[in-house]
């Protein structure tokens, strides 16, 4: 769990409490929203997170 939080902090540049909330949401519900941003940035960050062995999907904002 610490690895996930530290990876989100480093790659996405969220603060530690926000990254922890994302990790807890994903742990409890099976998925969690990390960030809402434009498609190019989302694809770039998803690639970075995948290279750190995290599972990532990009979905359109509803």
N, C-alpha and C. Protein backbone atom coordinates (compact mmCIF):
# COMPACT_ATOMS: atom_id res chain seq x y z
N UNK A 1 0.82 -1.20 0.00
CA UNK A 1 0.00 0.00 0.00
C UNK A 1 0.87 1.26 0.00
N UNK A 2 1.94 1.22 0.77
CA UNK A 2 2.84 2.37 0.78
C UNK A 2 3.45 2.60 -0.60
N UNK A 3 3.76 1.51 -1.30
CA UNK A 3 4.34 1.63 -2.64
C UNK A 3 3.38 2.36 -3.57
N UNK A 4 2.10 2.01 -3.50
CA UNK A 4 1.09 2.64 -4.34
C UNK A 4 1.01 4.13 -4.03
N UNK A 5 0.93 4.48 -2.75
CA UNK A 5 0.84 5.89 -2.35
C UNK A 5 2.08 6.65 -2.83
N UNK A 6 3.24 6.11 -2.56
CA UNK A 6 4.48 6.80 -2.95
C UNK A 6 4.57 6.96 -4.47
N UNK A 7 4.11 5.96 -5.21
CA UNK A 7 4.14 6.04 -6.68
C UNK A 7 3.20 7.13 -7.18
N UNK A 8 2.00 7.20 -6.61
CA UNK A 8 1.05 8.24 -7.02
C UNK A 8 1.61 9.62 -6.69
N UNK A 9 2.21 9.77 -5.52
CA UNK A 9 2.80 11.06 -5.13
C UNK A 9 3.89 11.46 -6.12
N UNK A 10 4.75 10.52 -6.46
CA UNK A 10 5.89 10.81 -7.33
C UNK A 10 5.46 11.06 -8.78
N UNK A 11 4.58 10.23 -9.31
CA UNK A 11 4.22 10.32 -10.73
C UNK A 11 3.16 11.38 -10.99
N UNK A 12 2.09 11.36 -10.20
CA UNK A 12 0.96 12.25 -10.46
C UNK A 12 1.14 13.60 -9.76
N UNK A 13 2.03 13.65 -8.78
CA UNK A 13 2.30 14.87 -8.02
C UNK A 13 1.14 15.26 -7.11
N UNK A 14 0.42 14.26 -6.60
CA UNK A 14 -0.60 14.53 -5.59
C UNK A 14 0.09 14.59 -4.23
N UNK A 15 -0.53 15.30 -3.28
CA UNK A 15 0.03 15.27 -1.94
C UNK A 15 -0.28 13.92 -1.30
N UNK A 16 0.43 13.60 -0.24
CA UNK A 16 0.31 12.27 0.37
C UNK A 16 -1.11 11.96 0.85
N UNK A 17 -1.83 12.89 1.52
CA UNK A 17 -3.20 12.57 1.95
C UNK A 17 -4.13 12.26 0.77
N UNK A 18 -4.01 12.99 -0.33
CA UNK A 18 -4.85 12.72 -1.51
C UNK A 18 -4.50 11.38 -2.13
N UNK A 19 -3.22 11.08 -2.22
CA UNK A 19 -2.79 9.79 -2.77
C UNK A 19 -3.26 8.64 -1.88
N UNK A 20 -3.24 8.85 -0.58
CA UNK A 20 -3.71 7.83 0.35
C UNK A 20 -5.20 7.60 0.17
N UNK A 21 -5.98 8.67 0.00
CA UNK A 21 -7.43 8.52 -0.24
C UNK A 21 -7.68 7.72 -1.52
N UNK A 22 -6.92 7.98 -2.57
CA UNK A 22 -7.06 7.23 -3.82
C UNK A 22 -6.77 5.75 -3.60
N UNK A 23 -5.70 5.46 -2.89
CA UNK A 23 -5.31 4.08 -2.64
C UNK A 23 -6.37 3.36 -1.82
N UNK A 24 -6.90 4.01 -0.76
CA UNK A 24 -7.91 3.39 0.10
C UNK A 24 -9.19 3.13 -0.70
N UNK A 25 -9.59 4.09 -1.54
CA UNK A 25 -10.78 3.92 -2.37
C UNK A 25 -10.61 2.71 -3.30
N UNK A 26 -9.46 2.61 -3.93
CA UNK A 26 -9.19 1.49 -4.83
C UNK A 26 -9.15 0.17 -4.06
N UNK A 27 -8.60 0.19 -2.87
CA UNK A 27 -8.51 -1.02 -2.06
C UNK A 27 -9.90 -1.51 -1.64
N UNK A 28 -10.75 -0.59 -1.24
CA UNK A 28 -12.08 -0.95 -0.74
C UNK A 28 -13.08 -1.26 -1.85
N UNK A 29 -13.04 -0.49 -2.95
CA UNK A 29 -14.05 -0.62 -4.01
C UNK A 29 -13.56 -1.38 -5.24
N UNK A 30 -12.26 -1.61 -5.32
CA UNK A 30 -11.72 -2.29 -6.49
C UNK A 30 -11.20 -1.35 -7.55
N UNK A 31 -11.56 -0.06 -7.45
CA UNK A 31 -11.04 0.96 -8.36
C UNK A 31 -11.20 2.32 -7.68
N UNK A 32 -10.39 3.26 -8.10
CA UNK A 32 -10.46 4.60 -7.52
C UNK A 32 -10.00 5.64 -8.51
N UNK A 33 -10.60 6.81 -8.44
CA UNK A 33 -10.22 7.90 -9.33
C UNK A 33 -9.02 8.63 -8.76
N UNK A 34 -8.01 8.77 -9.57
CA UNK A 34 -6.80 9.48 -9.15
C UNK A 34 -6.85 10.93 -9.62
N UNK A 35 -7.29 11.15 -10.85
CA UNK A 35 -7.19 12.48 -11.43
C UNK A 35 -8.15 12.63 -12.60
N UNK A 36 -8.71 13.79 -12.78
CA UNK A 36 -9.47 14.14 -13.97
C UNK A 36 -8.67 15.19 -14.72
N UNK A 37 -8.28 14.88 -15.95
CA UNK A 37 -7.44 15.78 -16.73
C UNK A 37 -7.70 15.54 -18.22
N UNK A 38 -7.03 16.28 -19.08
CA UNK A 38 -7.23 16.09 -20.51
C UNK A 38 -6.57 14.78 -20.97
N UNK A 39 -7.03 14.29 -22.09
CA UNK A 39 -6.68 12.95 -22.55
C UNK A 39 -5.18 12.71 -22.71
N UNK A 40 -4.46 13.66 -23.30
CA UNK A 40 -3.03 13.47 -23.51
C UNK A 40 -2.29 13.28 -22.20
N UNK A 41 -2.60 14.12 -21.22
CA UNK A 41 -1.94 14.00 -19.92
C UNK A 41 -2.34 12.69 -19.23
N UNK A 42 -3.62 12.32 -19.35
CA UNK A 42 -4.08 11.07 -18.76
C UNK A 42 -3.33 9.88 -19.35
N UNK A 43 -3.16 9.88 -20.65
CA UNK A 43 -2.43 8.78 -21.31
C UNK A 43 -0.97 8.75 -20.87
N UNK A 44 -0.37 9.90 -20.75
CA UNK A 44 1.03 9.98 -20.30
C UNK A 44 1.17 9.45 -18.88
N UNK A 45 0.31 9.92 -17.97
CA UNK A 45 0.39 9.47 -16.57
C UNK A 45 0.06 7.99 -16.44
N UNK A 46 -0.90 7.51 -17.22
CA UNK A 46 -1.24 6.09 -17.18
C UNK A 46 -0.04 5.24 -17.59
N UNK A 47 0.66 5.68 -18.61
CA UNK A 47 1.85 4.96 -19.06
C UNK A 47 2.92 4.94 -17.96
N UNK A 48 3.11 6.07 -17.32
CA UNK A 48 4.08 6.16 -16.23
C UNK A 48 3.70 5.23 -15.07
N UNK A 49 2.42 5.23 -14.70
CA UNK A 49 1.97 4.38 -13.59
C UNK A 49 2.07 2.90 -13.95
N UNK A 50 1.75 2.56 -15.19
CA UNK A 50 1.88 1.17 -15.63
C UNK A 50 3.34 0.71 -15.59
N UNK A 51 4.25 1.61 -15.93
CA UNK A 51 5.67 1.24 -15.88
C UNK A 51 6.15 0.98 -14.45
N UNK A 52 5.35 1.43 -13.49
CA UNK A 52 5.64 1.17 -12.07
C UNK A 52 4.81 -0.01 -11.54
N UNK A 53 4.25 -0.79 -12.47
CA UNK A 53 3.49 -2.00 -12.17
C UNK A 53 2.14 -1.76 -11.51
N UNK A 54 1.54 -0.59 -11.73
CA UNK A 54 0.19 -0.33 -11.24
C UNK A 54 -0.80 -0.55 -12.38
N UNK A 55 -2.00 -1.00 -12.05
CA UNK A 55 -3.05 -1.19 -13.05
C UNK A 55 -3.81 0.11 -13.20
N UNK A 56 -3.93 0.57 -14.44
CA UNK A 56 -4.53 1.88 -14.71
C UNK A 56 -5.50 1.78 -15.88
N UNK A 57 -6.63 2.46 -15.77
CA UNK A 57 -7.53 2.63 -16.91
C UNK A 57 -7.85 4.11 -17.04
N UNK A 58 -8.17 4.50 -18.26
CA UNK A 58 -8.59 5.88 -18.53
C UNK A 58 -10.05 5.81 -18.95
N UNK A 59 -10.87 6.62 -18.34
CA UNK A 59 -12.28 6.66 -18.69
C UNK A 59 -12.71 8.10 -18.91
N UNK A 60 -13.67 8.32 -19.83
CA UNK A 60 -14.16 9.68 -20.04
C UNK A 60 -14.92 10.18 -18.81
N UNK A 61 -14.87 11.46 -18.58
CA UNK A 61 -15.61 12.07 -17.47
C UNK A 61 -17.08 12.02 -17.79
N UNK A 62 -17.88 11.68 -16.81
CA UNK A 62 -19.33 11.58 -17.04
C UNK A 62 -20.06 12.74 -16.45
